[in-house]
């Protein structure tokens, strides 16, 4: 997503169709500041461009990567 690639510290973005109308996105940043900025930008985008398409408001969860392969 171009919006997130512009945020300093961007590493990766994944969008998953979990089935039954559930979608999941995961963003990876080098630091917490980048992650927090991405949440702000994504919230603005959802509010301004997607709100009418979403039956439920997005939920945001954050944490540190503890394993990678």
C-alpha atoms as a PDB file:
ATOM      1  CA  UNK A   1       0.000   0.000   0.000  1.00  0.00           C
ATOM      2  CA  UNK A   2       1.678   3.240  -1.127  1.00  0.00           C
ATOM      3  CA  UNK A   3       0.338   5.122   1.901  1.00  0.00           C
ATOM      4  CA  UNK A   4       2.356   2.983   4.317  1.00  0.00           C
ATOM      5  CA  UNK A   5       5.483   2.679   2.170  1.00  0.00           C
ATOM      6  CA  UNK A   6       5.985   6.430   2.635  1.00  0.00           C
ATOM      7  CA  UNK A   7       6.225   6.102   6.441  1.00  0.00           C
ATOM      8  CA  UNK A   8       9.831   6.104   7.711  1.00  0.00           C
ATOM      9  CA  UNK A   9      10.906   2.669   8.923  1.00  0.00           C
ATOM     10  CA  UNK A  10       8.465   0.726   6.705  1.00  0.00           C
ATOM     11  CA  UNK A  11       9.525  -2.911   6.259  1.00  0.00           C
ATOM     12  CA  UNK A  12       6.502  -4.904   5.021  1.00  0.00           C
ATOM     13  CA  UNK A  13       2.719  -5.002   4.674  1.00  0.00           C
ATOM     14  CA  UNK A  14       0.463  -8.061   4.407  1.00  0.00           C
ATOM     15  CA  UNK A  15      -3.283  -8.291   3.715  1.00  0.00           C
ATOM     16  CA  UNK A  16      -4.957 -11.633   4.551  1.00  0.00           C
ATOM     17  CA  UNK A  17      -8.440 -12.866   3.699  1.00  0.00           C
ATOM     18  CA  UNK A  18      -9.237 -14.927   6.815  1.00  0.00           C
ATOM     19  CA  UNK A  19     -12.590 -16.075   5.426  1.00  0.00           C
ATOM     20  CA  UNK A  20     -16.174 -15.425   6.510  1.00  0.00           C
ATOM     21  CA  UNK A  21     -15.814 -11.723   5.688  1.00  0.00           C
ATOM     22  CA  UNK A  22     -12.835 -11.256   8.001  1.00  0.00           C
ATOM     23  CA  UNK A  23      -9.783  -9.406   6.682  1.00  0.00           C
ATOM     24  CA  UNK A  24      -6.485  -8.965   8.509  1.00  0.00           C
ATOM     25  CA  UNK A  25      -3.622  -6.622   7.738  1.00  0.00           C
ATOM     26  CA  UNK A  26      -0.177  -6.669   9.300  1.00  0.00           C
ATOM     27  CA  UNK A  27       2.395  -3.918   8.957  1.00  0.00           C
ATOM     28  CA  UNK A  28       6.020  -4.231  10.010  1.00  0.00           C
ATOM     29  CA  UNK A  29       8.147  -1.198  10.883  1.00  0.00           C
ATOM     30  CA  UNK A  30      11.668  -0.775  12.179  1.00  0.00           C
ATOM     31  CA  UNK A  31      10.466   1.127  15.237  1.00  0.00           C
ATOM     32  CA  UNK A  32       7.405   2.069  17.245  1.00  0.00           C
ATOM     33  CA  UNK A  33       7.348   5.634  15.894  1.00  0.00           C
ATOM     34  CA  UNK A  34       6.864   4.332  12.342  1.00  0.00           C
ATOM     35  CA  UNK A  35       4.148   1.942  13.463  1.00  0.00           C
ATOM     36  CA  UNK A  36       2.288   4.697  15.297  1.00  0.00           C
ATOM     37  CA  UNK A  37       2.499   7.020  12.289  1.00  0.00           C
ATOM     38  CA  UNK A  38       1.154   4.265  10.042  1.00  0.00           C
ATOM     39  CA  UNK A  39      -1.837   3.776  12.358  1.00  0.00           C
ATOM     40  CA  UNK A  40      -2.634   7.492  12.116  1.00  0.00           C
ATOM     41  CA  UNK A  41      -2.385   7.513   8.330  1.00  0.00           C
ATOM     42  CA  UNK A  42      -4.374   4.308   7.949  1.00  0.00           C
ATOM     43  CA  UNK A  43      -7.095   5.583  10.306  1.00  0.00           C
ATOM     44  CA  UNK A  44      -7.446   8.742   8.229  1.00  0.00           C
ATOM     45  CA  UNK A  45      -7.661   6.672   5.036  1.00  0.00           C
ATOM     46  CA  UNK A  46     -10.284   4.321   6.465  1.00  0.00           C
ATOM     47  CA  UNK A  47     -12.333   7.178   7.902  1.00  0.00           C
ATOM     48  CA  UNK A  48     -12.239   9.202   4.673  1.00  0.00           C
ATOM     49  CA  UNK A  49     -12.378   6.478   2.022  1.00  0.00           C
ATOM     50  CA  UNK A  50     -13.547   3.118   3.385  1.00  0.00           C
ATOM     51  CA  UNK A  51     -15.884   3.666   6.344  1.00  0.00           C
ATOM     52  CA  UNK A  52     -19.033   3.079   4.294  1.00  0.00           C
ATOM     53  CA  UNK A  53     -17.684  -0.320   3.134  1.00  0.00           C
ATOM     54  CA  UNK A  54     -16.837  -1.687   6.571  1.00  0.00           C
ATOM     55  CA  UNK A  55     -19.562  -3.274   8.713  1.00  0.00           C
ATOM     56  CA  UNK A  56     -17.379  -3.004  11.850  1.00  0.00           C
ATOM     57  CA  UNK A  57     -14.702  -0.508  12.842  1.00  0.00           C
ATOM     58  CA  UNK A  58     -11.099  -1.708  12.498  1.00  0.00           C
ATOM     59  CA  UNK A  59      -9.284  -2.996  15.566  1.00  0.00           C
ATOM     60  CA  UNK A  60      -5.640  -2.055  16.089  1.00  0.00           C
ATOM     61  CA  UNK A  61      -3.240  -4.306  17.976  1.00  0.00           C
ATOM     62  CA  UNK A  62       0.482  -3.651  18.310  1.00  0.00           C
ATOM     63  CA  UNK A  63       3.450  -5.624  19.551  1.00  0.00           C
ATOM     64  CA  UNK A  64       7.081  -6.466  18.980  1.00  0.00           C
ATOM     65  CA  UNK A  65       8.223  -9.211  16.621  1.00  0.00           C
ATOM     66  CA  UNK A  66       9.642 -11.999  18.761  1.00  0.00           C
ATOM     67  CA  UNK A  67      10.495 -14.499  16.018  1.00  0.00           C
ATOM     68  CA  UNK A  68      11.030 -14.360  12.267  1.00  0.00           C
ATOM     69  CA  UNK A  69      12.109 -16.849   9.665  1.00  0.00           C
END
